[in-house]
Amino acid sequence: VQLVESGGGSVQPGGSLRLSCAASGFPFSSYSMTWYRQAPGKEREWVSAVTSSGSITNYADSIKGRFTISRDNAKHTVYLQMNSLKPEDTAVYYCNVRYFSNDYWGQGTQVTVSS
């Protein structure tokens, strides 16, 4: 299993970024995918999840209404569209899949929101 995140960067408050996670090594279209983030000095926290078909999504209260998770099963990729970014969104963002009861993580992509 391999997960590779991309799309992070530095933006001003109110800006937008789109994160991508390219997946391989497992039947992508059969598994839910999840985004987490970890801010400096804090524990990793759950951000959002999408079911295998993409029909059901869930969001943490802190980002609800600002972030949108989606997936393209043909491209084996899951996305996180982040709008109206705030300084408190600054973190390393990771995608995750639970495959055969094991959690797999990418290397993460840094998002920094600062004026």
Protein backbone atom coordinates (compact mmCIF):
# COMPACT_ATOMS: atom_id res chain seq x y z
CA VAL A 1 0.00 0.00 0.00
CA GLN A 2 1.30 3.43 -0.92
CA LEU A 3 -0.29 6.79 -0.27
CA VAL A 4 1.29 9.96 -1.63
CA GLU A 5 -0.08 13.36 -0.63
CA SER A 6 0.52 16.56 -2.53
CA GLY A 7 -0.86 20.06 -2.89
CA GLY A 8 0.16 21.63 0.38
CA GLY A 9 1.75 25.05 0.65
CA SER A 10 1.60 28.45 2.27
CA VAL A 11 -1.47 30.63 1.91
CA GLN A 12 -2.93 33.71 3.54
CA PRO A 13 -6.02 33.48 5.73
CA GLY A 14 -9.11 33.15 3.58
CA GLY A 15 -7.20 31.38 0.84
CA SER A 16 -7.73 27.95 -0.69
CA LEU A 17 -5.74 24.82 -1.35
CA ARG A 18 -6.57 21.46 -2.88
CA LEU A 19 -4.81 18.44 -1.47
CA SER A 20 -4.49 15.18 -3.38
CA CYS A 21 -3.66 11.69 -2.23
CA ALA A 22 -2.65 9.17 -4.87
CA ALA A 23 -3.17 5.60 -3.75
CA SER A 24 -1.82 2.27 -4.94
CA GLY A 25 -1.35 -1.30 -3.79
CA PHE A 26 -4.91 -2.05 -2.76
CA PRO A 27 -8.38 -2.05 -4.40
CA PHE A 28 -8.93 1.66 -4.00
CA SER A 29 -12.55 1.75 -5.14
CA SER A 30 -13.54 -0.70 -2.39
CA TYR A 31 -12.27 1.27 0.60
CA SER A 32 -13.21 4.38 2.49
CA MET A 33 -10.51 7.02 2.64
CA THR A 34 -9.77 9.47 5.41
CA TRP A 35 -7.85 12.71 5.91
CA TYR A 36 -6.15 13.56 9.19
CA ARG A 37 -4.00 16.48 10.26
CA GLN A 38 -1.40 17.15 12.91
CA ALA A 39 -0.57 20.63 14.09
CA PRO A 40 2.72 21.41 15.84
CA GLY A 41 2.67 20.15 19.41
CA LYS A 42 -0.74 18.53 19.02
CA GLU A 43 -2.02 15.03 18.44
CA ARG A 44 -3.12 13.87 15.03
CA GLU A 45 -6.82 14.61 14.51
CA TRP A 46 -9.43 13.24 12.17
CA VAL A 47 -10.57 15.73 9.51
CA SER A 48 -12.82 14.04 6.97
CA ALA A 49 -13.77 10.71 5.42
CA VAL A 50 -15.42 9.47 2.25
CA THR A 51 -16.96 6.10 1.55
CA SER A 52 -15.72 3.83 -1.21
CA SER A 53 -18.25 5.08 -3.76
CA GLY A 54 -17.93 8.69 -2.69
CA SER A 55 -21.60 8.92 -1.86
CA ILE A 56 -21.18 9.57 1.86
CA THR A 57 -18.83 12.11 3.41
CA ASN A 58 -18.18 13.18 6.98
CA TYR A 59 -16.39 16.18 8.42
CA ALA A 60 -14.98 17.35 11.71
CA ASP A 61 -16.93 20.25 13.16
CA SER A 62 -13.88 22.49 12.95
CA ILE A 63 -13.79 22.36 9.14
CA LYS A 64 -17.41 21.69 8.24
CA GLY A 65 -18.65 24.04 5.54
CA ARG A 66 -15.13 25.01 4.50
CA PHE A 67 -13.53 21.74 3.36
CA THR A 68 -14.84 19.23 0.82
CA ILE A 69 -13.61 15.66 0.43
CA SER A 70 -14.02 13.83 -2.86
CA ARG A 71 -12.50 10.95 -4.77
CA ASP A 72 -11.89 9.79 -8.30
CA ASN A 73 -11.86 6.01 -8.31
CA ALA A 74 -10.64 5.89 -11.91
CA LYS A 75 -7.56 7.86 -10.87
CA HIS A 76 -7.16 6.16 -7.46
CA THR A 77 -7.03 9.59 -5.88
CA VAL A 78 -8.78 11.28 -2.98
CA TYR A 79 -8.96 15.06 -2.66
CA LEU A 80 -9.47 17.62 0.05
CA GLN A 81 -10.61 21.03 -1.17
CA MET A 82 -9.89 23.56 1.55
CA ASN A 83 -11.50 26.99 1.37
CA SER A 84 -11.64 29.92 3.78
CA LEU A 85 -8.46 28.71 5.41
CA LYS A 86 -7.64 29.90 8.91
CA PRO A 87 -4.33 30.04 10.79
CA GLU A 88 -5.58 27.19 12.99
CA ASP A 89 -5.72 24.97 9.89
CA THR A 90 -1.92 25.00 9.82
CA ALA A 91 -0.80 21.38 10.07
CA VAL A 92 0.65 18.44 8.23
CA TYR A 93 -2.19 16.71 6.41
CA TYR A 94 -2.19 12.93 5.97
CA CYS A 95 -4.40 10.56 4.07
CA ASN A 96 -5.21 7.19 5.52
CA VAL A 97 -6.72 3.87 4.58
CA ARG A 98 -7.57 0.96 6.85
CA TYR A 99 -6.82 -2.13 4.80
CA PHE A 100 -7.11 -5.61 6.33
CA SER A 101 -7.26 -4.04 9.79
CA ASN A 102 -3.99 -2.17 9.26
CA ASP A 103 -3.73 1.60 9.05
CA TYR A 104 -1.64 2.99 6.22
CA TRP A 105 -0.44 6.59 6.03
CA GLY A 106 1.20 8.82 3.49
CA GLN A 107 4.20 11.00 4.23
CA GLY A 108 1.99 14.05 4.72
CA THR A 109 1.84 17.45 3.10
CA GLN A 110 2.41 20.70 4.98
CA VAL A 111 -0.28 23.39 4.98
CA THR A 112 0.64 26.75 6.47
CA VAL A 113 -1.91 29.54 6.81
CA SER A 114 -0.35 32.84 7.78
CA SER A 115 -0.49 36.51 6.92
